């Protein structure tokens, strides 16, 4: 039987503003279980990735996950250890057209710095 792993999703939230009136964000983390991890694409796709973003992994979130991942980061645990930035605003497939437990592919990229 196929089973996923637990990842930690970090969601930004506004904590205030700095002395220049710029928004300051904090991050809150929540574990999500049963996420499948697949290797990302091995090449850059110029037409669909104009900024040359390299997809590190594609995660497949379970149907039970209903939050937005826009602007989030995801921490993967060993053996994939690292924190990655979610690309775009992933949307789930139609529930009735996905016979397995997973319906939302999420591309993530390495976020250094």
Protein backbone atom coordinates (compact mmCIF):
# COMPACT_ATOMS: atom_id res chain seq x y z
CA UNK A 1 0.00 0.00 0.00
CA UNK A 2 1.26 3.47 -0.86
CA UNK A 3 1.83 5.82 2.04
CA UNK A 4 3.29 9.30 2.31
CA UNK A 5 5.50 11.06 4.79
CA UNK A 6 5.04 14.00 7.14
CA UNK A 7 6.20 17.46 6.03
CA UNK A 8 6.07 20.79 7.84
CA UNK A 9 4.30 23.68 6.07
CA UNK A 10 5.36 27.20 7.08
CA UNK A 11 2.73 29.84 6.41
CA UNK A 12 3.55 33.57 6.59
CA UNK A 13 1.46 35.91 8.71
CA UNK A 14 1.75 39.63 9.37
CA UNK A 15 3.22 40.44 12.78
CA UNK A 16 3.46 44.21 12.35
CA UNK A 17 5.45 46.86 10.51
CA UNK A 18 9.00 48.12 10.76
CA UNK A 19 10.09 51.72 11.29
CA UNK A 20 9.75 52.36 7.54
CA UNK A 21 6.15 51.07 7.59
CA UNK A 22 7.07 47.89 5.69
CA UNK A 23 5.11 44.79 6.63
CA UNK A 24 7.01 42.34 8.83
CA UNK A 25 6.08 38.66 8.54
CA UNK A 26 6.46 35.75 10.88
CA UNK A 27 6.07 32.08 10.03
CA UNK A 28 3.91 29.51 11.70
CA UNK A 29 4.49 25.82 11.09
CA UNK A 30 2.07 22.91 10.90
CA UNK A 31 2.74 19.25 10.14
CA UNK A 32 0.91 17.62 7.23
CA UNK A 33 0.97 13.84 7.06
CA UNK A 34 0.66 11.46 4.12
CA UNK A 35 2.43 13.65 1.54
CA UNK A 36 4.07 11.89 -1.41
CA UNK A 37 7.47 13.18 -2.61
CA UNK A 38 8.62 12.87 -6.23
CA UNK A 39 11.82 14.20 -7.84
CA UNK A 40 11.41 17.46 -9.76
CA UNK A 41 12.10 18.05 -13.43
CA UNK A 42 15.70 17.68 -14.53
CA UNK A 43 15.76 20.60 -16.96
CA UNK A 44 14.69 24.21 -17.09
CA UNK A 45 11.61 24.91 -19.18
CA UNK A 46 12.03 28.39 -20.63
CA UNK A 47 8.48 28.89 -21.86
CA UNK A 48 6.80 27.83 -18.62
CA UNK A 49 9.56 28.96 -16.26
CA UNK A 50 10.74 32.35 -17.57
CA UNK A 51 12.76 33.05 -14.42
CA UNK A 52 14.59 29.74 -14.67
CA UNK A 53 13.09 28.27 -11.50
CA UNK A 54 14.33 24.76 -10.86
CA UNK A 55 11.74 22.41 -9.43
CA UNK A 56 13.47 20.46 -6.67
CA UNK A 57 10.55 18.14 -5.88
CA UNK A 58 6.89 17.69 -6.64
CA UNK A 59 4.83 16.96 -3.57
CA UNK A 60 1.41 15.36 -3.74
CA UNK A 61 -0.80 16.57 -0.90
CA UNK A 62 -3.69 14.45 0.37
CA UNK A 63 -7.34 15.32 -0.21
CA UNK A 64 -7.66 16.06 3.50
CA UNK A 65 -5.42 19.15 3.10
CA UNK A 66 -7.56 22.19 2.28
CA UNK A 67 -5.37 25.23 3.01
CA UNK A 68 -3.73 27.57 0.50
CA UNK A 69 0.00 27.09 -0.01
CA UNK A 70 0.61 30.40 -1.77
CA UNK A 71 3.67 32.11 -0.24
CA UNK A 72 4.45 29.09 1.95
CA UNK A 73 7.59 27.08 2.51
CA UNK A 74 7.78 23.35 3.14
CA UNK A 75 10.34 21.55 5.28
CA UNK A 76 11.15 18.01 4.23
CA UNK A 77 12.60 15.59 6.73
CA UNK A 78 15.35 12.97 6.14
CA UNK A 79 16.31 11.68 3.67
CA UNK A 80 15.11 14.77 1.72
CA UNK A 81 16.08 17.27 4.44
CA UNK A 82 15.71 20.94 3.59
CA UNK A 83 13.33 23.85 3.45
CA UNK A 84 11.83 24.65 0.05
CA UNK A 85 9.68 27.46 -1.33
CA UNK A 86 6.28 26.61 -2.85
CA UNK A 87 6.06 27.71 -6.50
CA UNK A 88 2.91 29.69 -7.30
CA UNK A 89 -0.51 28.89 -5.86
CA UNK A 90 -1.12 25.14 -6.23
CA UNK A 91 -4.70 24.03 -6.88
CA UNK A 92 -6.18 20.57 -6.34
CA UNK A 93 -7.52 18.39 -9.10
CA UNK A 94 -11.27 17.74 -9.09
CA UNK A 95 -12.01 15.50 -6.12
CA UNK A 96 -14.13 13.04 -8.08
CA UNK A 97 -11.45 12.64 -10.78
CA UNK A 98 -8.71 11.53 -8.39
CA UNK A 99 -9.28 7.95 -7.25
CA UNK A 100 -6.37 7.93 -4.78
CA UNK A 101 -5.92 9.84 -1.51
CA UNK A 102 -3.87 12.59 -3.20
CA UNK A 103 -5.25 15.35 -5.41
CA UNK A 104 -2.91 18.36 -5.27
CA UNK A 105 0.53 18.40 -6.91
CA UNK A 106 2.79 21.06 -5.37
CA UNK A 107 6.07 22.07 -7.01
CA UNK A 108 8.77 23.32 -4.66
CA UNK A 109 12.15 24.92 -5.28
CA UNK A 110 15.26 25.25 -3.19
CA UNK A 111 15.22 28.52 -1.26
CA UNK A 112 18.72 29.64 -0.31
CA UNK A 113 19.20 32.81 1.68
